[in-house]
C-alpha atoms as a PDB file:
ATOM      1  CA  UNK A   1     -24.080  23.729 129.590  1.00  0.00           C
ATOM      2  CA  UNK A   2     -22.843  20.526 131.268  1.00  0.00           C
ATOM      3  CA  UNK A   3     -19.460  19.074 130.385  1.00  0.00           C
ATOM      4  CA  UNK A   4     -18.014  15.737 131.485  1.00  0.00           C
ATOM      5  CA  UNK A   5     -14.285  15.034 131.195  1.00  0.00           C
ATOM      6  CA  UNK A   6     -13.072  11.453 131.609  1.00  0.00           C
ATOM      7  CA  UNK A   7      -9.609  10.118 132.341  1.00  0.00           C
ATOM      8  CA  UNK A   8      -7.899   6.892 133.371  1.00  0.00           C
ATOM      9  CA  UNK A   9      -8.577   4.595 130.438  1.00  0.00           C
ATOM     10  CA  UNK A  10      -5.876   2.430 128.932  1.00  0.00           C
ATOM     11  CA  UNK A  11      -4.675  -1.097 128.319  1.00  0.00           C
ATOM     12  CA  UNK A  12      -4.195  -3.663 131.075  1.00  0.00           C
ATOM     13  CA  UNK A  13      -3.642  -7.405 131.333  1.00  0.00           C
ATOM     14  CA  UNK A  14      -6.405  -9.676 132.567  1.00  0.00           C
ATOM     15  CA  UNK A  15      -6.503  -9.602 136.352  1.00  0.00           C
ATOM     16  CA  UNK A  16      -5.183  -6.057 136.499  1.00  0.00           C
ATOM     17  CA  UNK A  17      -6.774  -2.821 137.659  1.00  0.00           C
ATOM     18  CA  UNK A  18      -7.693   0.607 136.326  1.00  0.00           C
ATOM     19  CA  UNK A  19      -9.277   3.661 137.928  1.00  0.00           C
ATOM     20  CA  UNK A  20     -11.503   5.921 135.837  1.00  0.00           C
ATOM     21  CA  UNK A  21     -12.354   9.500 136.785  1.00  0.00           C
ATOM     22  CA  UNK A  22     -14.997  11.873 135.443  1.00  0.00           C
ATOM     23  CA  UNK A  23     -15.249  15.534 136.404  1.00  0.00           C
ATOM     24  CA  UNK A  24     -18.475  17.424 135.706  1.00  0.00           C
ATOM     25  CA  UNK A  25     -18.668  21.169 135.186  1.00  0.00           C
ATOM     26  CA  UNK A  26     -21.355  23.687 134.278  1.00  0.00           C
ATOM     27  CA  UNK A  27     -24.895  23.803 135.614  1.00  0.00           C
ATOM     28  CA  UNK A  28     -24.726  20.985 138.152  1.00  0.00           C
ATOM     29  CA  UNK A  29     -27.629  20.528 140.568  1.00  0.00           C
ATOM     30  CA  UNK A  30     -27.163  19.391 144.155  1.00  0.00           C
ATOM     31  CA  UNK A  31     -29.169  16.202 143.568  1.00  0.00           C
ATOM     32  CA  UNK A  32     -28.059  14.072 140.654  1.00  0.00           C
ATOM     33  CA  UNK A  33     -26.945  10.605 139.655  1.00  0.00           C
ATOM     34  CA  UNK A  34     -23.578   9.963 138.056  1.00  0.00           C
ATOM     35  CA  UNK A  35     -22.352   6.753 136.565  1.00  0.00           C
ATOM     36  CA  UNK A  36     -20.548   4.789 133.912  1.00  0.00           C
ATOM     37  CA  UNK A  37     -21.776   2.983 130.819  1.00  0.00           C
ATOM     38  CA  UNK A  38     -19.729   0.949 128.366  1.00  0.00           C
ATOM     39  CA  UNK A  39     -20.079  -0.174 124.771  1.00  0.00           C
ATOM     40  CA  UNK A  40     -18.268  -2.984 123.002  1.00  0.00           C
ATOM     41  CA  UNK A  41     -18.170  -3.263 119.182  1.00  0.00           C
ATOM     42  CA  UNK A  42     -21.479  -4.568 117.844  1.00  0.00           C
ATOM     43  CA  UNK A  43     -23.204  -4.333 121.221  1.00  0.00           C
ATOM     44  CA  UNK A  44     -25.574  -1.897 122.900  1.00  0.00           C
ATOM     45  CA  UNK A  45     -24.362   0.578 125.459  1.00  0.00           C
ATOM     46  CA  UNK A  46     -24.904  -0.922 128.907  1.00  0.00           C
ATOM     47  CA  UNK A  47     -24.912   0.363 132.461  1.00  0.00           C
ATOM     48  CA  UNK A  48     -21.788  -0.504 134.447  1.00  0.00           C
ATOM     49  CA  UNK A  49     -22.520   1.357 137.695  1.00  0.00           C
ATOM     50  CA  UNK A  50     -24.110   4.540 138.983  1.00  0.00           C
ATOM     51  CA  UNK A  51     -24.351   6.427 142.249  1.00  0.00           C
ATOM     52  CA  UNK A  52     -26.499   9.022 143.967  1.00  0.00           C
ATOM     53  CA  UNK A  53     -24.811   8.805 147.360  1.00  0.00           C
ATOM     54  CA  UNK A  54     -22.841   6.224 149.315  1.00  0.00           C
ATOM     55  CA  UNK A  55     -25.935   4.184 150.189  1.00  0.00           C
ATOM     56  CA  UNK A  56     -27.633   4.393 146.795  1.00  0.00           C
ATOM     57  CA  UNK A  57     -25.504   2.638 144.213  1.00  0.00           C
ATOM     58  CA  UNK A  58     -26.237   0.250 141.373  1.00  0.00           C
ATOM     59  CA  UNK A  59     -23.968  -2.244 139.589  1.00  0.00           C
ATOM     60  CA  UNK A  60     -24.273  -4.520 136.617  1.00  0.00           C
ATOM     61  CA  UNK A  61     -24.276  -8.144 137.746  1.00  0.00           C
ATOM     62  CA  UNK A  62     -21.204  -8.788 135.606  1.00  0.00           C
ATOM     63  CA  UNK A  63     -19.060  -6.294 137.556  1.00  0.00           C
ATOM     64  CA  UNK A  64     -20.475  -6.503 141.077  1.00  0.00           C
ATOM     65  CA  UNK A  65     -17.753  -7.456 143.532  1.00  0.00           C
ATOM     66  CA  UNK A  66     -14.983  -6.367 141.149  1.00  0.00           C
ATOM     67  CA  UNK A  67     -15.794  -2.688 140.488  1.00  0.00           C
ATOM     68  CA  UNK A  68     -16.452   0.079 143.011  1.00  0.00           C
ATOM     69  CA  UNK A  69     -18.099   3.405 142.204  1.00  0.00           C
ATOM     70  CA  UNK A  70     -17.629   6.475 144.391  1.00  0.00           C
ATOM     71  CA  UNK A  71     -18.021  10.237 144.137  1.00  0.00           C
ATOM     72  CA  UNK A  72     -16.692  13.479 145.523  1.00  0.00           C
ATOM     73  CA  UNK A  73     -19.546  15.986 145.541  1.00  0.00           C
ATOM     74  CA  UNK A  74     -17.272  18.930 146.317  1.00  0.00           C
ATOM     75  CA  UNK A  75     -15.466  18.250 143.028  1.00  0.00           C
ATOM     76  CA  UNK A  76     -18.489  16.953 141.070  1.00  0.00           C
ATOM     77  CA  UNK A  77     -16.352  13.948 140.240  1.00  0.00           C
ATOM     78  CA  UNK A  78     -17.222  10.263 139.979  1.00  0.00           C
ATOM     79  CA  UNK A  79     -14.698   7.423 140.109  1.00  0.00           C
ATOM     80  CA  UNK A  80     -14.770   3.816 139.004  1.00  0.00           C
ATOM     81  CA  UNK A  81     -12.204   1.489 140.541  1.00  0.00           C
ATOM     82  CA  UNK A  82     -11.967  -1.613 138.352  1.00  0.00           C
ATOM     83  CA  UNK A  83     -10.214  -4.671 139.769  1.00  0.00           C
ATOM     84  CA  UNK A  84      -9.798  -8.230 138.499  1.00  0.00           C
ATOM     85  CA  UNK A  85     -10.387  -7.031 134.955  1.00  0.00           C
ATOM     86  CA  UNK A  86     -11.470  -9.536 132.313  1.00  0.00           C
ATOM     87  CA  UNK A  87     -11.215  -9.388 128.505  1.00  0.00           C
ATOM     88  CA  UNK A  88     -15.007  -9.020 128.339  1.00  0.00           C
ATOM     89  CA  UNK A  89     -14.669  -5.698 130.190  1.00  0.00           C
ATOM     90  CA  UNK A  90     -13.091  -4.239 127.040  1.00  0.00           C
ATOM     91  CA  UNK A  91     -14.995  -1.336 125.521  1.00  0.00           C
ATOM     92  CA  UNK A  92     -15.497   2.399 125.425  1.00  0.00           C
ATOM     93  CA  UNK A  93     -16.533   3.687 128.843  1.00  0.00           C
ATOM     94  CA  UNK A  94     -18.809   6.731 128.962  1.00  0.00           C
ATOM     95  CA  UNK A  95     -19.415   8.970 131.953  1.00  0.00           C
ATOM     96  CA  UNK A  96     -23.052   9.897 132.560  1.00  0.00           C
ATOM     97  CA  UNK A  97     -24.801  12.609 134.566  1.00  0.00           C
ATOM     98  CA  UNK A  98     -28.539  12.356 135.179  1.00  0.00           C
ATOM     99  CA  UNK A  99     -30.283  15.339 136.736  1.00  0.00           C
ATOM    100  CA  UNK A 100     -33.941  16.380 136.682  1.00  0.00           C
ATOM    101  CA  UNK A 101     -34.581  13.785 133.995  1.00  0.00           C
ATOM    102  CA  UNK A 102     -31.887  15.005 131.593  1.00  0.00           C
ATOM    103  CA  UNK A 103     -28.843  12.953 130.659  1.00  0.00           C
ATOM    104  CA  UNK A 104     -25.389  14.230 129.766  1.00  0.00           C
ATOM    105  CA  UNK A 105     -22.483  12.205 128.401  1.00  0.00           C
ATOM    106  CA  UNK A 106     -18.723  12.340 128.266  1.00  0.00           C
ATOM    107  CA  UNK A 107     -16.738  11.670 125.113  1.00  0.00           C
ATOM    108  CA  UNK A 108     -15.766   8.157 126.176  1.00  0.00           C
ATOM    109  CA  UNK A 109     -12.480   6.557 127.139  1.00  0.00           C
ATOM    110  CA  UNK A 110     -11.147   3.258 125.810  1.00  0.00           C
ATOM    111  CA  UNK A 111     -10.506   0.360 128.180  1.00  0.00           C
ATOM    112  CA  UNK A 112      -8.738  -2.664 126.717  1.00  0.00           C
ATOM    113  CA  UNK A 113      -8.112  -5.837 128.707  1.00  0.00           C
ATOM    114  CA  UNK A 114      -5.755  -8.334 127.095  1.00  0.00           C
ATOM    115  CA  UNK A 115      -5.861 -12.062 127.783  1.00  0.00           C
END
């Protein structure tokens, strides 16, 4: 019923930037939380950032000050601007939609940061 389509992943040198996008379609409620998780090989999936509205956002300590999450409700799209990227940011990034207690996931997009 809900589909999430991600774009913007790729390979970048340390210190560089990438911008991820995720567009949601289907049965989308007016109140929801969208965000990004990532998973590195051999590690658990972890929260990167999420957003309800402009004044209700959450960031992992490791990315705060470097990444910025935003959304366009008219397009049901969430963005993640990633600056000052580090090799430890490497992983598969998954878009997430949380509404009425149900979670939906995108297919994932690879982000690789070379040293």
